[in-house]
Amino acid sequence: MTTRTGRCVECGRTHTGPTAECASPKTMNLPAGKTCAECRFTRHCQAMYGKTAQDETCDFFPVRFLGKPAASEAAA
């Protein structure tokens, strides 16, 4: 299992968890295994903030990731 790093919401640095300089475990990571391409807000974030579909971090806190609806939900 690989450890993901993420931008800390407290200090803005990139790390995997609490460090000597920053005790915060909170990062801007999306849920494990998810990318911006799987979020319902991807088009908005790409247009307004320059995010890419491959990004694994969110520029908002708390992370606003919300999965896209299933094809059956979208058609209803």
C-alpha atoms as a PDB file:
ATOM      1  CA  MET A   1       0.000   0.000   0.000  1.00  0.00           C
ATOM      2  CA  THR A   2       1.387   3.398  -0.962  1.00  0.00           C
ATOM      3  CA  THR A   3       0.983   6.446   1.228  1.00  0.00           C
ATOM      4  CA  ARG A   4      -0.593   9.403  -0.502  1.00  0.00           C
ATOM      5  CA  THR A   5       0.659  12.876   0.183  1.00  0.00           C
ATOM      6  CA  GLY A   6      -1.599  15.878   0.145  1.00  0.00           C
ATOM      7  CA  ARG A   7      -1.620  19.605   0.695  1.00  0.00           C
ATOM      8  CA  CYS A   8      -2.300  20.313   4.375  1.00  0.00           C
ATOM      9  CA  VAL A   9      -5.278  22.525   5.185  1.00  0.00           C
ATOM     10  CA  GLU A  10      -3.400  24.128   8.088  1.00  0.00           C
ATOM     11  CA  CYS A  11       0.078  24.951   6.767  1.00  0.00           C
ATOM     12  CA  GLY A  12      -0.350  24.570   2.987  1.00  0.00           C
ATOM     13  CA  ARG A  13       2.650  22.260   2.730  1.00  0.00           C
ATOM     14  CA  THR A  14       2.579  18.866   1.099  1.00  0.00           C
ATOM     15  CA  HIS A  15       2.988  15.954   3.496  1.00  0.00           C
ATOM     16  CA  THR A  16       1.448  12.609   4.434  1.00  0.00           C
ATOM     17  CA  GLY A  17       0.261  13.543   7.910  1.00  0.00           C
ATOM     18  CA  PRO A  18       1.343  15.355  11.064  1.00  0.00           C
ATOM     19  CA  THR A  19       4.949  16.605  11.048  1.00  0.00           C
ATOM     20  CA  ALA A  20       7.150  18.420  13.543  1.00  0.00           C
ATOM     21  CA  GLU A  21       6.152  21.747  11.961  1.00  0.00           C
ATOM     22  CA  CYS A  22       2.439  21.018  11.594  1.00  0.00           C
ATOM     23  CA  ALA A  23       0.286  18.761  13.746  1.00  0.00           C
ATOM     24  CA  SER A  24      -2.678  18.655  11.348  1.00  0.00           C
ATOM     25  CA  PRO A  25      -3.615  15.319   9.755  1.00  0.00           C
ATOM     26  CA  LYS A  26      -6.108  17.040   7.400  1.00  0.00           C
ATOM     27  CA  THR A  27      -5.261  17.166   3.714  1.00  0.00           C
ATOM     28  CA  MET A  28      -7.056  18.212   0.563  1.00  0.00           C
ATOM     29  CA  ASN A  29      -6.941  14.681  -0.890  1.00  0.00           C
ATOM     30  CA  LEU A  30      -9.961  13.266  -2.661  1.00  0.00           C
ATOM     31  CA  PRO A  31     -11.224   9.896  -1.423  1.00  0.00           C
ATOM     32  CA  ALA A  32      -8.695   7.111  -2.089  1.00  0.00           C
ATOM     33  CA  GLY A  33      -8.691   6.004  -5.713  1.00  0.00           C
ATOM     34  CA  LYS A  34     -10.772   8.974  -6.944  1.00  0.00           C
ATOM     35  CA  THR A  35      -9.794  11.741  -9.354  1.00  0.00           C
ATOM     36  CA  CYS A  36     -11.393  15.015 -10.351  1.00  0.00           C
ATOM     37  CA  ALA A  37     -12.770  13.315 -13.467  1.00  0.00           C
ATOM     38  CA  GLU A  38     -15.129  11.336 -11.202  1.00  0.00           C
ATOM     39  CA  CYS A  39     -16.541  14.429  -9.440  1.00  0.00           C
ATOM     40  CA  ARG A  40     -19.751  16.137 -10.487  1.00  0.00           C
ATOM     41  CA  PHE A  41     -18.063  19.542 -10.225  1.00  0.00           C
ATOM     42  CA  THR A  42     -15.148  18.704 -12.567  1.00  0.00           C
ATOM     43  CA  ARG A  43     -16.276  20.976 -15.418  1.00  0.00           C
ATOM     44  CA  HIS A  44     -16.688  23.933 -13.071  1.00  0.00           C
ATOM     45  CA  CYS A  45     -13.282  23.429 -11.444  1.00  0.00           C
ATOM     46  CA  GLN A  46     -11.547  22.934 -14.787  1.00  0.00           C
ATOM     47  CA  ALA A  47     -13.042  26.122 -16.197  1.00  0.00           C
ATOM     48  CA  MET A  48     -12.693  28.339 -13.128  1.00  0.00           C
ATOM     49  CA  TYR A  49      -9.600  27.004 -11.355  1.00  0.00           C
ATOM     50  CA  GLY A  50      -7.557  25.152 -13.978  1.00  0.00           C
ATOM     51  CA  LYS A  51      -7.940  21.731 -12.370  1.00  0.00           C
ATOM     52  CA  THR A  52      -7.282  18.678 -14.537  1.00  0.00           C
ATOM     53  CA  ALA A  53      -9.177  15.399 -14.683  1.00  0.00           C
ATOM     54  CA  GLN A  54      -6.174  13.527 -13.240  1.00  0.00           C
ATOM     55  CA  ASP A  55      -5.914  15.666 -10.075  1.00  0.00           C
ATOM     56  CA  GLU A  56      -6.322  13.788  -6.798  1.00  0.00           C
ATOM     57  CA  THR A  57      -6.651  16.868  -4.592  1.00  0.00           C
ATOM     58  CA  CYS A  58      -9.426  19.402  -4.123  1.00  0.00           C
ATOM     59  CA  ASP A  59      -8.889  23.153  -3.871  1.00  0.00           C
ATOM     60  CA  PHE A  60     -11.738  23.480  -1.369  1.00  0.00           C
ATOM     61  CA  PHE A  61     -11.932  22.628   2.319  1.00  0.00           C
ATOM     62  CA  PRO A  62     -13.755  20.684   3.348  1.00  0.00           C
ATOM     63  CA  VAL A  63     -13.165  18.633   0.218  1.00  0.00           C
ATOM     64  CA  ARG A  64     -16.282  18.989  -1.927  1.00  0.00           C
ATOM     65  CA  PHE A  65     -15.914  15.803  -3.931  1.00  0.00           C
ATOM     66  CA  LEU A  66     -19.296  14.456  -4.959  1.00  0.00           C
ATOM     67  CA  GLY A  67     -19.381  11.482  -7.307  1.00  0.00           C
ATOM     68  CA  LYS A  68     -21.120  11.813 -10.639  1.00  0.00           C
ATOM     69  CA  PRO A  69     -24.586  10.225 -10.773  1.00  0.00           C
ATOM     70  CA  ALA A  70     -24.894   6.768 -12.257  1.00  0.00           C
ATOM     71  CA  ALA A  71     -26.155   6.645 -15.857  1.00  0.00           C
ATOM     72  CA  SER A  72     -29.552   5.405 -14.638  1.00  0.00           C
ATOM     73  CA  GLU A  73     -29.871   8.391 -12.239  1.00  0.00           C
ATOM     74  CA  ALA A  74     -28.840  10.900 -14.901  1.00  0.00           C
ATOM     75  CA  ALA A  75     -31.505   9.652 -17.319  1.00  0.00           C
ATOM     76  CA  ALA A  76     -34.310   9.951 -14.753  1.00  0.00           C
END
